[in-house]
Amino acid sequence: EVQLVESGGGLVQAGGSLRLSCAASGFTFDDYAIGWFRQAPGKEREGVSCISSSDGSTYYAGSVKGRFTISSDNAKNTVYLQMNSLKPEDTAVYYCAADMNYYSDCGAYEYDYWGQGTQVTVSS
């Protein structure tokens, strides 16, 4: 019933930009927090950015702060992640996730519902 669909990933050169979208359905969007997470092969999934759809509270990982911006369009039940100044170390599968609670630390283990991911590859 709860569905999250990511889009917008692809190949980009270092210094370039991508905008990821997470389209949500099957739940009351305004009652949930949405997070962007990423996972590279052999590494644990990490929180990139999280937002509360209710009050707009946000979190950014230190590695992306100042380069990435999360935003929520409640009318479209969609969360975006604008990624600028991309670096090769940003290469990963990016997932969006939803939870009824907002967690200030944006921990992946705290989120209940997940999309299937979209690949982001940044070339040097």
Protein backbone atom coordinates (compact mmCIF):
# COMPACT_ATOMS: atom_id res chain seq x y z
CA GLU A 1 0.00 0.00 0.00
CA VAL A 2 2.79 2.39 0.88
CA GLN A 3 4.78 3.02 -2.26
CA LEU A 4 7.87 5.11 -2.85
CA VAL A 5 9.33 5.50 -6.32
CA GLU A 6 12.67 7.19 -6.93
CA SER A 7 13.70 8.76 -10.20
CA GLY A 8 16.30 11.14 -11.55
CA GLY A 9 19.48 9.16 -11.10
CA GLY A 10 22.04 8.77 -13.83
CA LEU A 11 25.55 9.51 -14.94
CA VAL A 12 27.10 12.89 -14.32
CA GLN A 13 30.57 14.37 -14.32
CA ALA A 14 32.16 15.67 -11.17
CA GLY A 15 30.91 19.15 -10.48
CA GLY A 16 27.60 18.50 -12.17
CA SER A 17 24.10 18.34 -10.78
CA LEU A 18 21.19 15.94 -10.55
CA ARG A 19 17.75 16.21 -9.05
CA LEU A 20 16.25 13.11 -7.53
CA SER A 21 12.52 12.71 -7.01
CA CYS A 22 10.65 10.49 -4.59
CA ALA A 23 6.99 10.05 -5.41
CA ALA A 24 4.97 8.75 -2.50
CA SER A 25 1.54 7.15 -2.33
CA GLY A 26 -0.55 5.02 -0.02
CA PHE A 27 -0.22 7.11 3.11
CA THR A 28 -0.95 10.55 4.46
CA PHE A 29 2.08 12.38 3.19
CA ASP A 30 1.89 15.27 5.62
CA ASP A 31 2.09 12.89 8.59
CA TYR A 32 5.39 11.33 7.53
CA ALA A 33 9.04 12.08 7.38
CA ILE A 34 10.87 11.33 4.15
CA GLY A 35 14.56 10.61 3.94
CA TRP A 36 17.17 10.16 1.26
CA PHE A 37 19.74 7.48 1.90
CA ARG A 38 22.56 6.08 -0.14
CA GLN A 39 24.52 2.88 -0.26
CA ALA A 40 27.67 2.02 -2.12
CA PRO A 41 28.80 -1.60 -2.61
CA GLY A 42 30.31 -3.00 0.56
CA LYS A 43 29.24 -0.04 2.64
CA GLU A 44 26.39 0.51 5.03
CA ARG A 45 23.43 2.61 4.08
CA GLU A 46 23.79 6.15 5.30
CA GLY A 47 21.41 9.01 5.77
CA VAL A 48 21.95 11.82 3.29
CA SER A 49 19.07 14.13 4.04
CA CYS A 50 15.74 13.87 5.82
CA ILE A 51 12.73 16.11 6.02
CA SER A 52 9.54 16.27 8.01
CA SER A 53 6.66 16.82 5.62
CA SER A 54 4.68 18.22 8.51
CA ASP A 55 6.88 21.03 9.76
CA GLY A 56 9.78 21.13 7.30
CA SER A 57 12.51 20.14 9.74
CA THR A 58 15.57 18.94 7.85
CA TYR A 59 18.80 17.07 8.32
CA TYR A 60 21.87 16.97 6.10
CA ALA A 61 24.86 14.73 6.38
CA GLY A 62 28.03 16.71 6.86
CA SER A 63 29.43 15.35 3.62
CA VAL A 64 26.64 16.90 1.56
CA LYS A 65 25.70 20.00 3.51
CA GLY A 66 25.97 23.06 1.32
CA ARG A 67 25.78 20.98 -1.86
CA PHE A 68 22.47 19.12 -1.54
CA THR A 69 19.03 20.52 -0.83
CA ILE A 70 15.98 18.55 0.18
CA SER A 71 12.51 19.90 -0.46
CA SER A 72 8.95 18.66 -0.20
CA ASP A 73 6.03 19.38 -2.49
CA ASN A 74 3.09 18.24 -0.41
CA ALA A 75 0.59 18.90 -3.20
CA LYS A 76 2.40 16.33 -5.35
CA ASN A 77 3.34 13.97 -2.52
CA THR A 78 6.90 14.26 -3.74
CA VAL A 79 10.24 14.93 -2.11
CA TYR A 80 13.20 16.14 -4.10
CA LEU A 81 16.91 16.03 -3.55
CA GLN A 82 18.79 18.64 -5.53
CA MET A 83 22.42 17.58 -5.74
CA ASN A 84 24.97 20.13 -6.86
CA SER A 85 28.75 20.06 -7.06
CA LEU A 86 28.69 16.29 -7.24
CA LYS A 87 31.80 14.35 -6.35
CA PRO A 88 32.85 10.80 -7.23
CA GLU A 89 32.35 9.82 -3.62
CA ASP A 90 28.66 10.61 -4.03
CA THR A 91 28.36 7.57 -6.29
CA ALA A 92 25.83 5.17 -4.79
CA VAL A 93 22.34 3.84 -5.06
CA TYR A 94 20.06 6.47 -3.60
CA TYR A 95 16.92 5.41 -1.79
CA CYS A 96 14.02 7.34 -0.42
CA ALA A 97 12.27 6.13 2.68
CA ALA A 98 9.32 7.12 4.82
CA ASP A 99 8.43 6.86 8.45
CA MET A 100 5.66 8.23 10.57
CA ASN A 101 8.22 9.76 12.89
CA TYR A 102 10.88 12.30 12.11
CA TYR A 103 14.29 11.37 13.45
CA SER A 104 16.72 14.18 13.96
CA ASP A 105 19.70 11.95 13.18
CA CYS A 106 18.26 10.62 9.89
CA GLY A 107 19.16 7.02 10.67
CA ALA A 108 18.34 4.41 8.03
CA TYR A 109 17.44 1.83 10.66
CA GLU A 110 14.62 4.05 11.85
CA TYR A 111 12.67 4.09 8.57
CA ASP A 112 9.96 1.56 7.81
CA TYR A 113 9.12 2.04 4.14
CA TRP A 114 11.59 2.07 1.28
CA GLY A 115 11.74 2.63 -2.43
CA GLN A 116 13.84 0.47 -4.74
CA GLY A 117 16.54 3.02 -5.36
CA THR A 118 18.05 4.94 -8.22
CA GLN A 119 21.69 4.77 -9.28
CA VAL A 120 23.81 7.89 -9.17
CA THR A 121 27.24 7.66 -10.75
CA VAL A 122 29.66 10.57 -10.67
CA SER A 123 32.67 10.31 -12.92
CA SER A 124 35.96 12.07 -12.34
